[in-house]
Amino acid sequence: MERSNYLIDTNIAIYYFGKILPKESELFIEKIFHETYYISVINRIELLGFKDIDDTEKINGLKIIKISPFINEKEE
């Protein structure tokens, strides 16, 4: 079976961490988190700035995809 790579959108992550996704969608996202997935550094910054998500350990554990050296340098 071929594995897929996923780029997680900020809103999907917000809905997932905020536990407001329908159960079927939540299970699908959990499955993705056990496969190969990424967020952009911009997504990470947006998630860390979202007041209703206080689980920074999970956010910091997400896999970051490199967008450009300039943007990634600013975040690090």
N, C-alpha and C. Protein backbone atom coordinates (compact mmCIF):
# COMPACT_ATOMS: atom_id res chain seq x y z
N MET A 1 0.85 -1.18 0.00
CA MET A 1 0.00 0.00 0.00
C MET A 1 0.89 1.24 0.00
N GLU A 2 0.59 2.17 -0.87
CA GLU A 2 1.36 3.40 -0.99
C GLU A 2 0.98 4.39 0.11
N ARG A 3 2.00 5.00 0.70
CA ARG A 3 1.76 6.02 1.74
C ARG A 3 1.62 7.37 1.07
N SER A 4 0.83 8.22 1.66
CA SER A 4 0.62 9.56 1.13
C SER A 4 1.31 10.57 2.03
N ASN A 5 1.67 11.70 1.46
CA ASN A 5 2.17 12.84 2.23
C ASN A 5 1.06 13.87 2.29
N TYR A 6 0.91 14.50 3.44
CA TYR A 6 -0.14 15.49 3.62
C TYR A 6 0.44 16.80 4.11
N LEU A 7 -0.10 17.90 3.62
CA LEU A 7 0.21 19.22 4.14
C LEU A 7 -1.03 19.68 4.89
N ILE A 8 -0.90 19.84 6.20
CA ILE A 8 -2.04 20.17 7.06
C ILE A 8 -2.31 21.67 7.03
N ASP A 9 -3.53 22.04 6.73
CA ASP A 9 -3.96 23.43 6.73
C ASP A 9 -4.15 23.92 8.17
N THR A 10 -3.90 25.20 8.40
CA THR A 10 -4.03 25.77 9.74
C THR A 10 -5.43 25.56 10.31
N ASN A 11 -6.45 25.79 9.52
CA ASN A 11 -7.82 25.65 10.04
C ASN A 11 -8.12 24.22 10.45
N ILE A 12 -7.66 23.26 9.68
CA ILE A 12 -7.87 21.86 10.04
C ILE A 12 -7.19 21.56 11.37
N ALA A 13 -5.96 22.03 11.54
CA ALA A 13 -5.25 21.81 12.80
C ALA A 13 -5.98 22.50 13.97
N ILE A 14 -6.48 23.70 13.74
CA ILE A 14 -7.23 24.41 14.79
C ILE A 14 -8.48 23.62 15.17
N TYR A 15 -9.20 23.14 14.18
CA TYR A 15 -10.42 22.37 14.46
C TYR A 15 -10.07 21.06 15.17
N TYR A 16 -8.96 20.44 14.76
CA TYR A 16 -8.55 19.18 15.39
C TYR A 16 -8.15 19.40 16.85
N PHE A 17 -7.23 20.34 17.09
CA PHE A 17 -6.78 20.59 18.45
C PHE A 17 -7.88 21.18 19.33
N GLY A 18 -8.82 21.89 18.70
CA GLY A 18 -9.95 22.44 19.44
C GLY A 18 -11.07 21.44 19.65
N LYS A 19 -10.88 20.24 19.11
CA LYS A 19 -11.85 19.14 19.24
C LYS A 19 -13.25 19.53 18.74
N ILE A 20 -13.27 20.19 17.57
CA ILE A 20 -14.56 20.57 17.00
C ILE A 20 -14.82 19.92 15.63
N LEU A 21 -13.96 18.99 15.25
CA LEU A 21 -14.19 18.25 14.01
C LEU A 21 -15.22 17.15 14.26
N PRO A 22 -15.99 16.80 13.23
CA PRO A 22 -16.84 15.62 13.35
C PRO A 22 -15.96 14.40 13.63
N LYS A 23 -16.48 13.42 14.32
CA LYS A 23 -15.71 12.26 14.74
C LYS A 23 -15.00 11.57 13.57
N GLU A 24 -15.69 11.43 12.46
CA GLU A 24 -15.10 10.79 11.28
C GLU A 24 -13.87 11.57 10.79
N SER A 25 -13.97 12.89 10.77
CA SER A 25 -12.86 13.73 10.35
C SER A 25 -11.71 13.67 11.35
N GLU A 26 -12.05 13.66 12.63
CA GLU A 26 -11.03 13.57 13.68
C GLU A 26 -10.23 12.27 13.54
N LEU A 27 -10.92 11.17 13.28
CA LEU A 27 -10.24 9.89 13.09
C LEU A 27 -9.34 9.90 11.86
N PHE A 28 -9.80 10.56 10.80
CA PHE A 28 -8.99 10.67 9.58
C PHE A 28 -7.72 11.48 9.85
N ILE A 29 -7.84 12.59 10.56
CA ILE A 29 -6.67 13.42 10.89
C ILE A 29 -5.71 12.65 11.78
N GLU A 30 -6.22 11.90 12.74
CA GLU A 30 -5.35 11.08 13.60
C GLU A 30 -4.59 10.06 12.77
N LYS A 31 -5.26 9.50 11.77
CA LYS A 31 -4.59 8.55 10.86
C LYS A 31 -3.47 9.26 10.11
N ILE A 32 -3.73 10.45 9.64
CA ILE A 32 -2.71 11.23 8.93
C ILE A 32 -1.51 11.50 9.84
N PHE A 33 -1.77 11.81 11.11
CA PHE A 33 -0.68 12.11 12.04
C PHE A 33 0.20 10.89 12.29
N HIS A 34 -0.26 9.70 11.93
CA HIS A 34 0.56 8.51 12.05
C HIS A 34 1.27 8.18 10.73
N GLU A 35 1.01 8.99 9.70
CA GLU A 35 1.66 8.82 8.41
C GLU A 35 2.63 9.99 8.22
N THR A 36 2.92 10.30 6.98
CA THR A 36 3.82 11.41 6.69
C THR A 36 2.98 12.66 6.43
N TYR A 37 3.17 13.65 7.26
CA TYR A 37 2.43 14.90 7.14
C TYR A 37 3.37 16.06 7.47
N TYR A 38 2.98 17.24 7.09
CA TYR A 38 3.77 18.43 7.35
C TYR A 38 2.84 19.62 7.59
N ILE A 39 3.39 20.62 8.25
CA ILE A 39 2.78 21.95 8.27
C ILE A 39 3.87 22.91 7.84
N SER A 40 3.48 24.08 7.39
CA SER A 40 4.49 25.07 7.04
C SER A 40 4.87 25.83 8.30
N VAL A 41 5.99 26.51 8.25
CA VAL A 41 6.42 27.31 9.39
C VAL A 41 5.38 28.40 9.67
N ILE A 42 4.72 28.88 8.63
CA ILE A 42 3.67 29.89 8.80
C ILE A 42 2.48 29.28 9.55
N ASN A 43 2.11 28.05 9.19
CA ASN A 43 1.04 27.35 9.92
C ASN A 43 1.39 27.24 11.41
N ARG A 44 2.64 26.88 11.69
CA ARG A 44 3.08 26.71 13.08
C ARG A 44 2.93 28.02 13.86
N ILE A 45 3.37 29.11 13.26
CA ILE A 45 3.25 30.43 13.91
C ILE A 45 1.79 30.76 14.15
N GLU A 46 0.94 30.51 13.15
CA GLU A 46 -0.49 30.78 13.31
C GLU A 46 -1.08 29.94 14.45
N LEU A 47 -0.70 28.66 14.53
CA LEU A 47 -1.23 27.79 15.57
C LEU A 47 -0.77 28.23 16.96
N LEU A 48 0.50 28.62 17.07
CA LEU A 48 1.00 29.07 18.37
C LEU A 48 0.34 30.37 18.81
N GLY A 49 -0.11 31.17 17.85
CA GLY A 49 -0.78 32.43 18.18
C GLY A 49 -2.27 32.31 18.42
N PHE A 50 -2.83 31.12 18.18
CA PHE A 50 -4.27 30.93 18.34
C PHE A 50 -4.59 30.71 19.81
N LYS A 51 -5.39 31.58 20.39
CA LYS A 51 -5.60 31.58 21.84
C LYS A 51 -6.33 30.36 22.37
N ASP A 52 -7.11 29.67 21.55
CA ASP A 52 -7.87 28.53 22.05
C ASP A 52 -7.11 27.21 22.02
N ILE A 53 -5.87 27.26 21.56
CA ILE A 53 -5.04 26.05 21.56
C ILE A 53 -3.91 26.28 22.54
N ASP A 54 -3.89 25.50 23.60
CA ASP A 54 -2.83 25.68 24.58
C ASP A 54 -1.92 24.46 24.67
N ASP A 55 -2.00 23.59 23.69
CA ASP A 55 -1.17 22.40 23.68
C ASP A 55 0.04 22.61 22.77
N THR A 56 0.97 23.48 23.21
CA THR A 56 2.12 23.82 22.37
C THR A 56 3.04 22.63 22.18
N GLU A 57 3.03 21.67 23.09
CA GLU A 57 3.87 20.48 22.94
C GLU A 57 3.48 19.73 21.67
N LYS A 58 2.18 19.56 21.45
CA LYS A 58 1.72 18.88 20.23
C LYS A 58 2.05 19.71 18.99
N ILE A 59 1.87 21.02 19.08
CA ILE A 59 2.16 21.89 17.93
C ILE A 59 3.64 21.84 17.61
N ASN A 60 4.49 21.91 18.62
CA ASN A 60 5.93 21.87 18.39
C ASN A 60 6.37 20.52 17.84
N GLY A 61 5.57 19.48 18.05
CA GLY A 61 5.91 18.16 17.54
C GLY A 61 5.52 17.93 16.09
N LEU A 62 4.80 18.86 15.50
CA LEU A 62 4.40 18.71 14.10
C LEU A 62 5.60 18.87 13.19
N LYS A 63 5.60 18.17 12.09
CA LYS A 63 6.71 18.20 11.14
C LYS A 63 6.60 19.44 10.26
N ILE A 64 7.67 20.23 10.23
CA ILE A 64 7.68 21.49 9.48
C ILE A 64 8.28 21.26 8.10
N ILE A 65 7.59 21.72 7.08
CA ILE A 65 8.12 21.67 5.72
C ILE A 65 8.80 23.02 5.44
N LYS A 66 9.93 22.97 4.80
CA LYS A 66 10.68 24.20 4.50
C LYS A 66 10.02 24.93 3.33
N ILE A 67 9.75 26.21 3.53
CA ILE A 67 9.13 27.01 2.48
C ILE A 67 10.22 27.73 1.69
N SER A 68 11.01 28.50 2.39
CA SER A 68 12.14 29.18 1.77
C SER A 68 13.16 29.44 2.87
N PRO A 69 14.42 29.55 2.53
CA PRO A 69 15.43 29.80 3.56
C PRO A 69 15.15 31.08 4.35
N PHE A 70 14.68 32.12 3.68
CA PHE A 70 14.41 33.40 4.35
C PHE A 70 13.32 33.25 5.40
N ILE A 71 12.20 32.62 5.04
CA ILE A 71 11.09 32.48 5.98
C ILE A 71 11.48 31.55 7.13
N ASN A 72 12.10 30.44 6.84
CA ASN A 72 12.48 29.52 7.91
C ASN A 72 13.51 30.13 8.84
N GLU A 73 14.41 30.94 8.32
CA GLU A 73 15.43 31.62 9.14
C GLU A 73 14.76 32.56 10.13
N LYS A 74 13.73 33.26 9.71
CA LYS A 74 13.03 34.22 10.58
C LYS A 74 12.32 33.51 11.73
N GLU A 75 11.83 32.31 11.49
CA GLU A 75 11.08 31.56 12.51
C GLU A 75 12.01 30.93 13.53
N GLU A 76 13.17 30.48 13.09
CA GLU A 76 14.11 29.80 13.98
C GLU A 76 14.74 30.80 14.87
